[in-house]
Amino acid sequence: MAESSLAFLVIVIAVAVLFDFANGFNDAANAIATVVSTRVMLPIVAVAMAALLNFVGALSGTAVAKVIGAGVVDPSTITLATVGAGVAAAAVWVFLASWLGLPISGSHSLIAGIAGAAVATGGLGVLISSGVTKVLLALAFSPLLGFAGGYVLMVALFWLFRRSRPTMVSGLFGRLQIVSAAAMAFSHGSNDAQKAMGVIALALATHYHWAEQGIKFHIPFWVILLSATVMAAGTYAGGWSVVRTLGVRIVQMRPVNGFAAESAAAAVIEAATRLAVPVSTTHIITATIMGQGSTRRFSAVRWGVVRGIVVAWFVTFPFCGLLGAGFYKLLRLAL
């Protein structure tokens, strides 16, 4: 099969769709772990709500998709094999992490996989330094913002309801947590679904030589609709081992804690989306859960579990980068 053939383009898009599904599967926990952990919603109802709002959120914009597709790697300097190798590396890592119950970042898996394959294609010069810097800064600062947001919001809620009856607080935030979980699901769809959109558009731009024809990089509507649908399907399928990790093993939560974690996370993610910054929803919701848990005492957070998650975060970039480069070399031999 020739690399320039339509059949190879379809295969690359299919792998991107597979990644999109895997990302939704792994990240189902981001939207519903806390609301399931606090028993505010039944798991099946929470998953259905998350799937629907992931779909709606995915239709809300394309700014992040354009950063992924044309802001990290110069589309005119790579090949379709580069895109396929990068997406395949990300999909393998996301499925592996889901099987292991690790809430890793599908976003950074994808960026690292494509960057690794791109460097193997044309060297470091194919990377766009401003885009790479934006991604790395988001990696560093978005979890810190999430931790601070979860901590500050939880402290504020403690102060506001310090004289209220526990039963009243639980009842109120049991209802409010449904709203915060919905906001988290929407924000997840608005940021994460755009990663697959960007990659599919990158594959189209590479295959049809948009730059040479003077066609501005854009996200076709059918790509938006496809990515939104697949992300919603992956979310509905769920990642129950990851739900358990985020919702139970890090810190025990009540409805007020879940509301604080979800609200802070949704605010950070939505702000990043509107600023066209690709972030990890997994990193952020994990950080907000840690932040609100730390308001009681630092020992309330199960730092051993957190340590394992953080290790997985730092493994993602080198692992996916090397895997993307390796897959590219194999594809070049096969094509």
C-alpha atoms as a PDB file:
ATOM      1  CA  MET A   1       0.000   0.000   0.000  1.00  0.00           C
ATOM      2  CA  ALA A   2       1.411   3.387  -0.997  1.00  0.00           C
ATOM      3  CA  GLU A   3       1.666   6.074   1.664  1.00  0.00           C
ATOM      4  CA  SER A   4      -0.059   8.545  -0.669  1.00  0.00           C
ATOM      5  CA  SER A   5      -3.046   6.261  -1.298  1.00  0.00           C
ATOM      6  CA  LEU A   6      -6.570   7.014  -0.138  1.00  0.00           C
ATOM      7  CA  ALA A   7      -6.653   3.658   1.631  1.00  0.00           C
ATOM      8  CA  PHE A   8      -3.729   4.646   3.852  1.00  0.00           C
ATOM      9  CA  LEU A   9      -5.442   7.945   4.687  1.00  0.00           C
ATOM     10  CA  VAL A  10      -8.547   6.016   5.759  1.00  0.00           C
ATOM     11  CA  ILE A  11      -6.400   3.762   7.961  1.00  0.00           C
ATOM     12  CA  VAL A  12      -4.764   6.779   9.637  1.00  0.00           C
ATOM     13  CA  ILE A  13      -8.172   8.352  10.278  1.00  0.00           C
ATOM     14  CA  ALA A  14      -9.405   5.026  11.661  1.00  0.00           C
ATOM     15  CA  VAL A  15      -6.480   4.931  14.100  1.00  0.00           C
ATOM     16  CA  ALA A  16      -7.280   8.519  15.143  1.00  0.00           C
ATOM     17  CA  VAL A  17     -10.885   7.468  15.749  1.00  0.00           C
ATOM     18  CA  LEU A  18      -9.633   4.527  17.816  1.00  0.00           C
ATOM     19  CA  PHE A  19      -7.532   6.936  19.880  1.00  0.00           C
ATOM     20  CA  ASP A  20     -10.554   9.202  20.329  1.00  0.00           C
ATOM     21  CA  PHE A  21     -12.591   6.273  21.630  1.00  0.00           C
ATOM     22  CA  ALA A  22      -9.757   5.187  23.942  1.00  0.00           C
ATOM     23  CA  ASN A  23      -9.401   8.737  25.235  1.00  0.00           C
ATOM     24  CA  GLY A  24     -13.115   8.896  26.046  1.00  0.00           C
ATOM     25  CA  PHE A  25     -12.940   5.444  27.637  1.00  0.00           C
ATOM     26  CA  ASN A  26     -10.027   6.379  29.881  1.00  0.00           C
ATOM     27  CA  ASP A  27     -11.296   9.872  30.669  1.00  0.00           C
ATOM     28  CA  ALA A  28     -14.860   8.846  31.572  1.00  0.00           C
ATOM     29  CA  ALA A  29     -13.551   8.983  35.128  1.00  0.00           C
ATOM     30  CA  ASN A  30     -12.678  12.661  34.813  1.00  0.00           C
ATOM     31  CA  ALA A  31     -16.326  13.667  34.609  1.00  0.00           C
ATOM     32  CA  ILE A  32     -18.032  11.110  36.810  1.00  0.00           C
ATOM     33  CA  ALA A  33     -15.596   9.644  39.343  1.00  0.00           C
ATOM     34  CA  THR A  34     -16.506  12.043  42.136  1.00  0.00           C
ATOM     35  CA  VAL A  35     -20.252  11.980  41.543  1.00  0.00           C
ATOM     36  CA  VAL A  36     -20.183   8.152  41.569  1.00  0.00           C
ATOM     37  CA  SER A  37     -17.885   8.009  44.591  1.00  0.00           C
ATOM     38  CA  THR A  38     -20.210  10.222  46.641  1.00  0.00           C
ATOM     39  CA  ARG A  39     -23.219   8.127  45.503  1.00  0.00           C
ATOM     40  CA  VAL A  40     -25.052  11.168  44.218  1.00  0.00           C
ATOM     41  CA  MET A  41     -25.695   9.417  40.879  1.00  0.00           C
ATOM     42  CA  LEU A  42     -25.826   5.796  39.810  1.00  0.00           C
ATOM     43  CA  PRO A  43     -22.834   4.887  37.629  1.00  0.00           C
ATOM     44  CA  ILE A  44     -24.920   4.104  34.521  1.00  0.00           C
ATOM     45  CA  VAL A  45     -26.829   7.401  34.787  1.00  0.00           C
ATOM     46  CA  ALA A  46     -23.609   9.349  35.369  1.00  0.00           C
ATOM     47  CA  VAL A  47     -21.938   7.728  32.362  1.00  0.00           C
ATOM     48  CA  ALA A  48     -24.914   8.514  30.113  1.00  0.00           C
ATOM     49  CA  MET A  49     -24.893  12.148  31.245  1.00  0.00           C
ATOM     50  CA  ALA A  50     -21.138  12.398  30.723  1.00  0.00           C
ATOM     51  CA  ALA A  51     -21.406  10.931  27.215  1.00  0.00           C
ATOM     52  CA  LEU A  52     -24.125  13.376  26.190  1.00  0.00           C
ATOM     53  CA  LEU A  53     -22.329  16.451  27.542  1.00  0.00           C
ATOM     54  CA  ASN A  54     -18.997  15.294  26.123  1.00  0.00           C
ATOM     55  CA  PHE A  55     -20.717  15.311  22.727  1.00  0.00           C
ATOM     56  CA  VAL A  56     -22.187  18.784  23.250  1.00  0.00           C
ATOM     57  CA  GLY A  57     -18.887  20.152  24.544  1.00  0.00           C
ATOM     58  CA  ALA A  58     -17.030  18.761  21.540  1.00  0.00           C
ATOM     59  CA  LEU A  59     -19.199  20.875  19.244  1.00  0.00           C
ATOM     60  CA  SER A  60     -18.364  24.113  21.060  1.00  0.00           C
ATOM     61  CA  GLY A  61     -15.170  25.137  19.227  1.00  0.00           C
ATOM     62  CA  THR A  62     -12.033  24.189  17.298  1.00  0.00           C
ATOM     63  CA  ALA A  63      -9.287  26.454  18.677  1.00  0.00           C
ATOM     64  CA  VAL A  64      -7.523  23.620  20.511  1.00  0.00           C
ATOM     65  CA  ALA A  65      -7.853  21.352  17.466  1.00  0.00           C
ATOM     66  CA  LYS A  66      -6.002  23.918  15.335  1.00  0.00           C
ATOM     67  CA  VAL A  67      -3.168  24.056  17.872  1.00  0.00           C
ATOM     68  CA  ILE A  68      -2.870  20.260  17.827  1.00  0.00           C
ATOM     69  CA  GLY A  69      -3.083  20.048  14.033  1.00  0.00           C
ATOM     70  CA  ALA A  70      -0.891  22.968  13.018  1.00  0.00           C
ATOM     71  CA  GLY A  71       0.660  24.462  16.150  1.00  0.00           C
ATOM     72  CA  VAL A  72       3.058  21.760  17.341  1.00  0.00           C
ATOM     73  CA  VAL A  73       4.376  20.284  14.075  1.00  0.00           C
ATOM     74  CA  ASP A  74       4.585  22.024  10.692  1.00  0.00           C
ATOM     75  CA  PRO A  75       2.145  20.051   8.484  1.00  0.00           C
ATOM     76  CA  SER A  76       4.185  20.793   5.344  1.00  0.00           C
ATOM     77  CA  THR A  77       7.285  19.032   6.706  1.00  0.00           C
ATOM     78  CA  ILE A  78       5.801  15.655   7.629  1.00  0.00           C
ATOM     79  CA  THR A  79       4.118  12.749   5.883  1.00  0.00           C
ATOM     80  CA  LEU A  80       0.947  10.763   6.415  1.00  0.00           C
ATOM     81  CA  ALA A  81       3.086   7.995   7.901  1.00  0.00           C
ATOM     82  CA  THR A  82       4.231  10.492  10.546  1.00  0.00           C
ATOM     83  CA  VAL A  83       0.661  11.201  11.590  1.00  0.00           C
ATOM     84  CA  GLY A  84      -0.290   7.524  11.596  1.00  0.00           C
ATOM     85  CA  ALA A  85       2.724   6.545  13.690  1.00  0.00           C
ATOM     86  CA  GLY A  86       2.115   9.291  16.247  1.00  0.00           C
ATOM     87  CA  VAL A  87      -1.553   8.501  16.697  1.00  0.00           C
ATOM     88  CA  ALA A  88      -0.866   4.757  16.906  1.00  0.00           C
ATOM     89  CA  ALA A  89       1.677   5.368  19.684  1.00  0.00           C
ATOM     90  CA  ALA A  90      -0.850   7.434  21.650  1.00  0.00           C
ATOM     91  CA  ALA A  91      -3.623   4.864  21.178  1.00  0.00           C
ATOM     92  CA  VAL A  92      -1.401   2.018  22.411  1.00  0.00           C
ATOM     93  CA  TRP A  93      -0.405   3.963  25.528  1.00  0.00           C
ATOM     94  CA  VAL A  94      -3.959   5.065  26.352  1.00  0.00           C
ATOM     95  CA  PHE A  95      -5.325   1.510  26.019  1.00  0.00           C
ATOM     96  CA  LEU A  96      -2.443   0.158  28.110  1.00  0.00           C
ATOM     97  CA  ALA A  97      -3.017   2.783  30.805  1.00  0.00           C
ATOM     98  CA  SER A  98      -6.762   2.030  30.839  1.00  0.00           C
ATOM     99  CA  TRP A  99      -6.010  -1.663  31.318  1.00  0.00           C
ATOM    100  CA  LEU A 100      -3.661  -0.801  34.194  1.00  0.00           C
ATOM    101  CA  GLY A 101      -6.176   1.605  35.735  1.00  0.00           C
ATOM    102  CA  LEU A 102      -3.906   4.633  35.356  1.00  0.00           C
ATOM    103  CA  PRO A 103      -5.593   7.997  34.632  1.00  0.00           C
ATOM    104  CA  ILE A 104      -2.898   9.269  32.255  1.00  0.00           C
ATOM    105  CA  SER A 105      -3.160  12.141  29.809  1.00  0.00           C
ATOM    106  CA  GLY A 106      -4.420  11.134  26.381  1.00  0.00           C
ATOM    107  CA  SER A 107      -3.697  14.679  25.224  1.00  0.00           C
ATOM    108  CA  HIS A 108      -0.021  14.560  26.073  1.00  0.00           C
ATOM    109  CA  SER A 109       0.204  10.992  24.770  1.00  0.00           C
ATOM    110  CA  LEU A 110      -0.999  12.238  21.398  1.00  0.00           C
ATOM    111  CA  ILE A 111       1.259  15.290  21.290  1.00  0.00           C
ATOM    112  CA  ALA A 112       4.297  13.266  22.369  1.00  0.00           C
ATOM    113  CA  GLY A 113       3.570  10.494  19.857  1.00  0.00           C
ATOM    114  CA  ILE A 114       3.236  12.908  16.940  1.00  0.00           C
ATOM    115  CA  ALA A 115       6.279  14.931  18.050  1.00  0.00           C
ATOM    116  CA  GLY A 116       8.384  11.774  18.289  1.00  0.00           C
ATOM    117  CA  ALA A 117       7.287  10.575  14.860  1.00  0.00           C
ATOM    118  CA  ALA A 118       7.852  14.058  13.410  1.00  0.00           C
ATOM    119  CA  VAL A 119      11.408  14.252  14.763  1.00  0.00           C
ATOM    120  CA  ALA A 120      12.078  10.806  13.284  1.00  0.00           C
ATOM    121  CA  THR A 121      10.754  12.147   9.962  1.00  0.00           C
ATOM    122  CA  GLY A 122      12.636  15.419   9.624  1.00  0.00           C
ATOM    123  CA  GLY A 123      14.597  16.202  12.757  1.00  0.00           C
ATOM    124  CA  LEU A 124      13.960  18.736  15.503  1.00  0.00           C
ATOM    125  CA  GLY A 125      13.385  21.506  12.969  1.00  0.00           C
ATOM    126  CA  VAL A 126       9.888  20.240  12.146  1.00  0.00           C
ATOM    127  CA  LEU A 127       8.675  21.129  15.644  1.00  0.00           C
ATOM    128  CA  ILE A 128       7.100  24.541  16.216  1.00  0.00           C
ATOM    129  CA  SER A 129       8.824  25.845  19.336  1.00  0.00           C
ATOM    130  CA  SER A 130       6.005  28.182  20.400  1.00  0.00           C
ATOM    131  CA  GLY A 131       3.448  25.362  20.264  1.00  0.00           C
ATOM    132  CA  VAL A 132       5.677  22.917  22.124  1.00  0.00           C
ATOM    133  CA  THR A 133       6.355  25.568  24.769  1.00  0.00           C
ATOM    134  CA  LYS A 134       2.619  26.197  25.199  1.00  0.00           C
ATOM    135  CA  VAL A 135       1.982  22.483  25.727  1.00  0.00           C
ATOM    136  CA  LEU A 136       4.822  22.104  28.245  1.00  0.00           C
ATOM    137  CA  LEU A 137       3.742  25.189  30.196  1.00  0.00           C
ATOM    138  CA  ALA A 138       0.191  23.837  30.333  1.00  0.00           C
ATOM    139  CA  LEU A 139       1.550  20.511  31.569  1.00  0.00           C
ATOM    140  CA  ALA A 140       3.393  22.283  34.391  1.00  0.00           C
ATOM    141  CA  PHE A 141       0.897  24.919  35.486  1.00  0.00           C
ATOM    142  CA  SER A 142      -2.610  23.521  34.893  1.00  0.00           C
ATOM    143  CA  PRO A 143      -2.356  20.903  37.686  1.00  0.00           C
ATOM    144  CA  LEU A 144      -1.023  23.588  40.045  1.00  0.00           C
ATOM    145  CA  LEU A 145      -3.991  25.811  39.188  1.00  0.00           C
ATOM    146  CA  GLY A 146      -6.284  22.825  39.705  1.00  0.00           C
ATOM    147  CA  PHE A 147      -4.789  22.022  43.120  1.00  0.00           C
ATOM    148  CA  ALA A 148      -5.018  25.650  44.226  1.00  0.00           C
ATOM    149  CA  GLY A 149      -8.568  25.972  42.887  1.00  0.00           C
ATOM    150  CA  GLY A 150      -9.765  22.849  44.684  1.00  0.00           C
ATOM    151  CA  TYR A 151      -8.116  23.926  47.930  1.00  0.00           C
ATOM    152  CA  VAL A 152      -9.392  27.526  47.871  1.00  0.00           C
ATOM    153  CA  LEU A 153     -12.943  26.577  46.882  1.00  0.00           C
ATOM    154  CA  MET A 154     -13.135  23.906  49.596  1.00  0.00           C
ATOM    155  CA  VAL A 155     -11.891  26.354  52.239  1.00  0.00           C
ATOM    156  CA  ALA A 156     -14.474  28.909  51.080  1.00  0.00           C
ATOM    157  CA  LEU A 157     -17.282  26.360  51.293  1.00  0.00           C
ATOM    158  CA  PHE A 158     -16.193  25.283  54.782  1.00  0.00           C
ATOM    159  CA  TRP A 159     -16.313  28.928  55.895  1.00  0.00           C
ATOM    160  CA  LEU A 160     -19.672  29.704  54.233  1.00  0.00           C
ATOM    161  CA  PHE A 161     -21.420  26.623  55.664  1.00  0.00           C
ATOM    162  CA  ARG A 162     -19.549  26.364  58.969  1.00  0.00           C
ATOM    163  CA  ARG A 163     -22.764  26.852  60.991  1.00  0.00           C
ATOM    164  CA  SER A 164     -25.020  24.736  58.779  1.00  0.00           C
ATOM    165  CA  ARG A 165     -26.325  21.300  59.673  1.00  0.00           C
ATOM    166  CA  PRO A 166     -24.385  18.435  58.005  1.00  0.00           C
ATOM    167  CA  THR A 167     -27.601  16.931  56.632  1.00  0.00           C
ATOM    168  CA  MET A 168     -28.549  20.226  54.979  1.00  0.00           C
ATOM    169  CA  VAL A 169     -25.070  20.596  53.447  1.00  0.00           C
ATOM    170  CA  SER A 170     -25.120  17.027  52.107  1.00  0.00           C
ATOM    171  CA  GLY A 171     -28.584  17.485  50.626  1.00  0.00           C
ATOM    172  CA  LEU A 172     -27.714  20.802  48.981  1.00  0.00           C
ATOM    173  CA  PHE A 173     -24.435  19.671  47.485  1.00  0.00           C
ATOM    174  CA  GLY A 174     -25.897  16.346  46.463  1.00  0.00           C
ATOM    175  CA  ARG A 175     -28.008  18.365  44.011  1.00  0.00           C
ATOM    176  CA  LEU A 176     -25.285  20.874  43.144  1.00  0.00           C
ATOM    177  CA  GLN A 177     -22.809  18.101  42.416  1.00  0.00           C
ATOM    178  CA  ILE A 178     -24.959  16.967  39.503  1.00  0.00           C
ATOM    179  CA  VAL A 179     -24.464  20.448  38.017  1.00  0.00           C
ATOM    180  CA  SER A 180     -20.710  20.412  38.647  1.00  0.00           C
ATOM    181  CA  ALA A 181     -20.381  16.930  37.137  1.00  0.00           C
ATOM    182  CA  ALA A 182     -22.277  18.133  34.066  1.00  0.00           C
ATOM    183  CA  ALA A 183     -19.940  21.136  33.774  1.00  0.00           C
ATOM    184  CA  MET A 184     -16.933  18.835  34.076  1.00  0.00           C
ATOM    185  CA  ALA A 185     -18.276  16.556  31.323  1.00  0.00           C
ATOM    186  CA  PHE A 186     -18.920  19.514  29.019  1.00  0.00           C
ATOM    187  CA  SER A 187     -15.458  20.998  29.593  1.00  0.00           C
ATOM    188  CA  HIS A 188     -13.845  17.607  29.018  1.00  0.00           C
ATOM    189  CA  GLY A 189     -15.576  17.277  25.666  1.00  0.00           C
ATOM    190  CA  SER A 190     -14.734  20.845  24.689  1.00  0.00           C
ATOM    191  CA  ASN A 191     -10.988  20.300  25.196  1.00  0.00           C
ATOM    192  CA  ASP A 192     -10.242  16.603  24.748  1.00  0.00           C
ATOM    193  CA  ALA A 193     -12.398  15.812  21.719  1.00  0.00           C
ATOM    194  CA  GLN A 194     -10.581  18.542  19.825  1.00  0.00           C
ATOM    195  CA  LYS A 195      -7.343  16.533  20.008  1.00  0.00           C
ATOM    196  CA  ALA A 196      -8.713  13.904  17.610  1.00  0.00           C
ATOM    197  CA  MET A 197     -10.202  16.628  15.408  1.00  0.00           C
ATOM    198  CA  GLY A 198      -6.794  18.254  15.097  1.00  0.00           C
ATOM    199  CA  VAL A 199      -5.054  15.006  14.185  1.00  0.00           C
ATOM    200  CA  ILE A 200      -7.618  14.013  11.560  1.00  0.00           C
ATOM    201  CA  ALA A 201      -7.384  17.487  10.032  1.00  0.00           C
ATOM    202  CA  LEU A 202      -3.575  17.173  10.104  1.00  0.00           C
ATOM    203  CA  ALA A 203      -3.853  13.888   8.196  1.00  0.00           C
ATOM    204  CA  LEU A 204      -6.123  15.546   5.621  1.00  0.00           C
ATOM    205  CA  ALA A 205      -3.800  18.542   5.294  1.00  0.00           C
ATOM    206  CA  THR A 206      -0.809  16.250   4.769  1.00  0.00           C
ATOM    207  CA  HIS A 207      -2.528  13.934   2.301  1.00  0.00           C
ATOM    208  CA  TYR A 208      -4.163  16.649   0.184  1.00  0.00           C
ATOM    209  CA  HIS A 209      -1.241  19.122   0.494  1.00  0.00           C
ATOM    210  CA  TRP A 210      -3.359  22.002   1.782  1.00  0.00           C
ATOM    211  CA  ALA A 211      -0.329  24.281   2.216  1.00  0.00           C
ATOM    212  CA  GLU A 212       0.832  23.802  -1.376  1.00  0.00           C
ATOM    213  CA  GLN A 213      -2.659  24.564  -2.648  1.00  0.00           C
ATOM    214  CA  GLY A 214      -3.003  27.657  -0.497  1.00  0.00           C
ATOM    215  CA  ILE A 215      -5.760  26.086   1.626  1.00  0.00           C
ATOM    216  CA  LYS A 216      -5.804  27.461   5.172  1.00  0.00           C
ATOM    217  CA  PHE A 217      -5.665  24.839   7.924  1.00  0.00           C
ATOM    218  CA  HIS A 218      -9.223  24.247   9.171  1.00  0.00           C
ATOM    219  CA  ILE A 219     -11.399  21.608  10.805  1.00  0.00           C
ATOM    220  CA  PRO A 220     -14.114  20.250   8.455  1.00  0.00           C
ATOM    221  CA  PHE A 221     -17.555  19.895  10.039  1.00  0.00           C
ATOM    222  CA  TRP A 222     -17.702  16.135   9.406  1.00  0.00           C
ATOM    223  CA  VAL A 223     -14.472  15.791  11.402  1.00  0.00           C
ATOM    224  CA  ILE A 224     -16.007  17.711  14.302  1.00  0.00           C
ATOM    225  CA  LEU A 225     -19.127  15.551  14.253  1.00  0.00           C
ATOM    226  CA  LEU A 226     -17.171  12.288  13.965  1.00  0.00           C
ATOM    227  CA  SER A 227     -14.819  13.153  16.818  1.00  0.00           C
ATOM    228  CA  ALA A 228     -17.664  14.281  19.079  1.00  0.00           C
ATOM    229  CA  THR A 229     -19.641  11.087  18.448  1.00  0.00           C
ATOM    230  CA  VAL A 230     -16.714   8.743  19.020  1.00  0.00           C
ATOM    231  CA  MET A 231     -15.609  10.582  22.168  1.00  0.00           C
ATOM    232  CA  ALA A 232     -19.146  10.273  23.547  1.00  0.00           C
ATOM    233  CA  ALA A 233     -19.224   6.552  22.707  1.00  0.00           C
ATOM    234  CA  GLY A 234     -15.893   5.995  24.452  1.00  0.00           C
ATOM    235  CA  THR A 235     -17.086   7.891  27.505  1.00  0.00           C
ATOM    236  CA  TYR A 236     -20.258   5.824  27.630  1.00  0.00           C
ATOM    237  CA  ALA A 237     -18.239   2.615  27.490  1.00  0.00           C
ATOM    238  CA  GLY A 238     -16.472   3.969  30.552  1.00  0.00           C
ATOM    239  CA  GLY A 239     -13.235   3.126  32.329  1.00  0.00           C
ATOM    240  CA  TRP A 240     -14.402   1.708  35.613  1.00  0.00           C
ATOM    241  CA  SER A 241     -10.977   0.810  37.000  1.00  0.00           C
ATOM    242  CA  VAL A 242      -9.960   4.447  36.511  1.00  0.00           C
ATOM    243  CA  VAL A 243     -13.220   5.611  38.121  1.00  0.00           C
ATOM    244  CA  ARG A 244     -12.239   3.647  41.191  1.00  0.00           C
ATOM    245  CA  THR A 245      -8.744   5.164  41.211  1.00  0.00           C
ATOM    246  CA  LEU A 246      -9.932   8.764  41.003  1.00  0.00           C
ATOM    247  CA  GLY A 247     -13.160   8.488  42.958  1.00  0.00           C
ATOM    248  CA  VAL A 248     -12.190   6.238  45.838  1.00  0.00           C
ATOM    249  CA  ARG A 249      -8.484   5.503  46.174  1.00  0.00           C
ATOM    250  CA  ILE A 250      -7.076   9.048  46.305  1.00  0.00           C
ATOM    251  CA  VAL A 251      -9.290  10.515  49.045  1.00  0.00           C
ATOM    252  CA  GLN A 252     -12.732   9.712  50.455  1.00  0.00           C
ATOM    253  CA  MET A 253     -15.276  12.360  49.452  1.00  0.00           C
ATOM    254  CA  ARG A 254     -18.703  13.692  50.355  1.00  0.00           C
ATOM    255  CA  PRO A 255     -20.934  15.631  47.934  1.00  0.00           C
ATOM    256  CA  VAL A 256     -19.476  18.997  48.980  1.00  0.00           C
ATOM    257  CA  ASN A 257     -15.967  17.683  48.274  1.00  0.00           C
ATOM    258  CA  GLY A 258     -16.998  16.359  44.885  1.00  0.00           C
ATOM    259  CA  PHE A 259     -18.628  19.679  44.021  1.00  0.00           C
ATOM    260  CA  ALA A 260     -15.453  21.584  44.910  1.00  0.00           C
ATOM    261  CA  ALA A 261     -13.211  19.262  42.885  1.00  0.00           C
ATOM    262  CA  GLU A 262     -15.449  19.226  39.789  1.00  0.00           C
ATOM    263  CA  SER A 263     -16.212  22.946  39.815  1.00  0.00           C
ATOM    264  CA  ALA A 264     -12.559  23.935  40.127  1.00  0.00           C
ATOM    265  CA  ALA A 265     -11.513  21.484  37.419  1.00  0.00           C
ATOM    266  CA  ALA A 266     -14.259  22.549  35.012  1.00  0.00           C
ATOM    267  CA  ALA A 267     -13.287  26.214  35.458  1.00  0.00           C
ATOM    268  CA  VAL A 268      -9.596  25.574  34.710  1.00  0.00           C
ATOM    269  CA  ILE A 269     -10.310  23.337  31.702  1.00  0.00           C
ATOM    270  CA  GLU A 270     -12.883  25.666  30.178  1.00  0.00           C
ATOM    271  CA  ALA A 271     -10.567  28.656  30.568  1.00  0.00           C
ATOM    272  CA  ALA A 272      -7.778  26.702  28.856  1.00  0.00           C
ATOM    273  CA  THR A 273     -10.087  25.695  25.998  1.00  0.00           C
ATOM    274  CA  ARG A 274     -11.145  29.280  25.306  1.00  0.00           C
ATOM    275  CA  LEU A 275      -7.454  30.291  25.341  1.00  0.00           C
ATOM    276  CA  ALA A 276      -6.703  27.531  22.786  1.00  0.00           C
ATOM    277  CA  VAL A 277      -4.476  25.652  25.241  1.00  0.00           C
ATOM    278  CA  PRO A 278      -4.537  21.835  25.089  1.00  0.00           C
ATOM    279  CA  VAL A 279      -4.496  20.562  28.672  1.00  0.00           C
ATOM    280  CA  SER A 280      -4.894  17.239  30.394  1.00  0.00           C
ATOM    281  CA  THR A 281      -8.303  16.941  31.987  1.00  0.00           C
ATOM    282  CA  THR A 282      -6.934  13.947  33.902  1.00  0.00           C
ATOM    283  CA  HIS A 283      -4.115  15.979  35.435  1.00  0.00           C
ATOM    284  CA  ILE A 284      -6.481  18.772  36.418  1.00  0.00           C
ATOM    285  CA  ILE A 285      -9.286  16.739  38.015  1.00  0.00           C
ATOM    286  CA  THR A 286      -6.723  14.664  39.912  1.00  0.00           C
ATOM    287  CA  ALA A 287      -5.105  17.867  41.180  1.00  0.00           C
ATOM    288  CA  THR A 288      -8.426  19.396  42.285  1.00  0.00           C
ATOM    289  CA  ILE A 289      -9.327  16.191  44.142  1.00  0.00           C
ATOM    290  CA  MET A 290      -5.961  16.400  45.913  1.00  0.00           C
ATOM    291  CA  GLY A 291      -6.444  20.111  46.623  1.00  0.00           C
ATOM    292  CA  GLN A 292      -9.832  19.808  48.247  1.00  0.00           C
ATOM    293  CA  GLY A 293      -8.686  16.731  50.184  1.00  0.00           C
ATOM    294  CA  SER A 294      -5.724  18.629  51.591  1.00  0.00           C
ATOM    295  CA  THR A 295      -8.032  21.088  53.376  1.00  0.00           C
ATOM    296  CA  ARG A 296      -8.754  18.470  56.024  1.00  0.00           C
ATOM    297  CA  ARG A 297      -5.166  17.349  56.497  1.00  0.00           C
ATOM    298  CA  PHE A 298      -2.440  16.314  54.118  1.00  0.00           C
ATOM    299  CA  SER A 299      -2.620  12.736  55.383  1.00  0.00           C
ATOM    300  CA  ALA A 300      -6.231  12.540  54.117  1.00  0.00           C
ATOM    301  CA  VAL A 301      -4.828  12.257  50.597  1.00  0.00           C
ATOM    302  CA  ARG A 302      -3.434   8.830  49.770  1.00  0.00           C
ATOM    303  CA  TRP A 303      -0.134  10.064  48.429  1.00  0.00           C
ATOM    304  CA  GLY A 304       1.085   6.582  47.510  1.00  0.00           C
ATOM    305  CA  VAL A 305      -1.661   6.318  44.900  1.00  0.00           C
ATOM    306  CA  VAL A 306      -0.967   9.858  43.731  1.00  0.00           C
ATOM    307  CA  ARG A 307       2.742   9.045  43.364  1.00  0.00           C
ATOM    308  CA  GLY A 308       1.934   6.202  40.988  1.00  0.00           C
ATOM    309  CA  ILE A 309      -0.264   8.490  38.889  1.00  0.00           C
ATOM    310  CA  VAL A 310       2.422  11.194  38.737  1.00  0.00           C
ATOM    311  CA  VAL A 311       5.020   8.644  37.632  1.00  0.00           C
ATOM    312  CA  ALA A 312       2.670   7.632  34.800  1.00  0.00           C
ATOM    313  CA  TRP A 313       2.376  11.298  33.798  1.00  0.00           C
ATOM    314  CA  PHE A 314       6.145  11.704  33.484  1.00  0.00           C
ATOM    315  CA  VAL A 315       6.553   8.404  31.657  1.00  0.00           C
ATOM    316  CA  THR A 316       4.016   9.479  29.023  1.00  0.00           C
ATOM    317  CA  PHE A 317       6.191  11.962  27.096  1.00  0.00           C
ATOM    318  CA  PRO A 318       9.350   9.863  26.607  1.00  0.00           C
ATOM    319  CA  PHE A 319       7.434   6.602  26.138  1.00  0.00           C
ATOM    320  CA  CYS A 320       5.037   7.950  23.520  1.00  0.00           C
ATOM    321  CA  GLY A 321       7.759   9.968  21.825  1.00  0.00           C
ATOM    322  CA  LEU A 322      10.002   6.941  21.406  1.00  0.00           C
ATOM    323  CA  LEU A 323       7.058   4.741  20.454  1.00  0.00           C
ATOM    324  CA  GLY A 324       5.956   7.252  17.810  1.00  0.00           C
ATOM    325  CA  ALA A 325       9.480   7.366  16.362  1.00  0.00           C
ATOM    326  CA  GLY A 326       9.672   3.564  16.372  1.00  0.00           C
ATOM    327  CA  PHE A 327       6.297   3.158  14.685  1.00  0.00           C
ATOM    328  CA  TYR A 328       7.345   5.670  12.013  1.00  0.00           C
ATOM    329  CA  LYS A 329      10.491   3.685  11.233  1.00  0.00           C
ATOM    330  CA  LEU A 330       8.440   0.485  10.970  1.00  0.00           C
ATOM    331  CA  LEU A 331       5.893   2.148   8.687  1.00  0.00           C
ATOM    332  CA  ARG A 332       8.631   3.438   6.387  1.00  0.00           C
ATOM    333  CA  LEU A 333       9.970  -0.090   6.056  1.00  0.00           C
ATOM    334  CA  ALA A 334       6.495  -1.520   5.404  1.00  0.00           C
ATOM    335  CA  LEU A 335       5.293   1.083   2.873  1.00  0.00           C
END
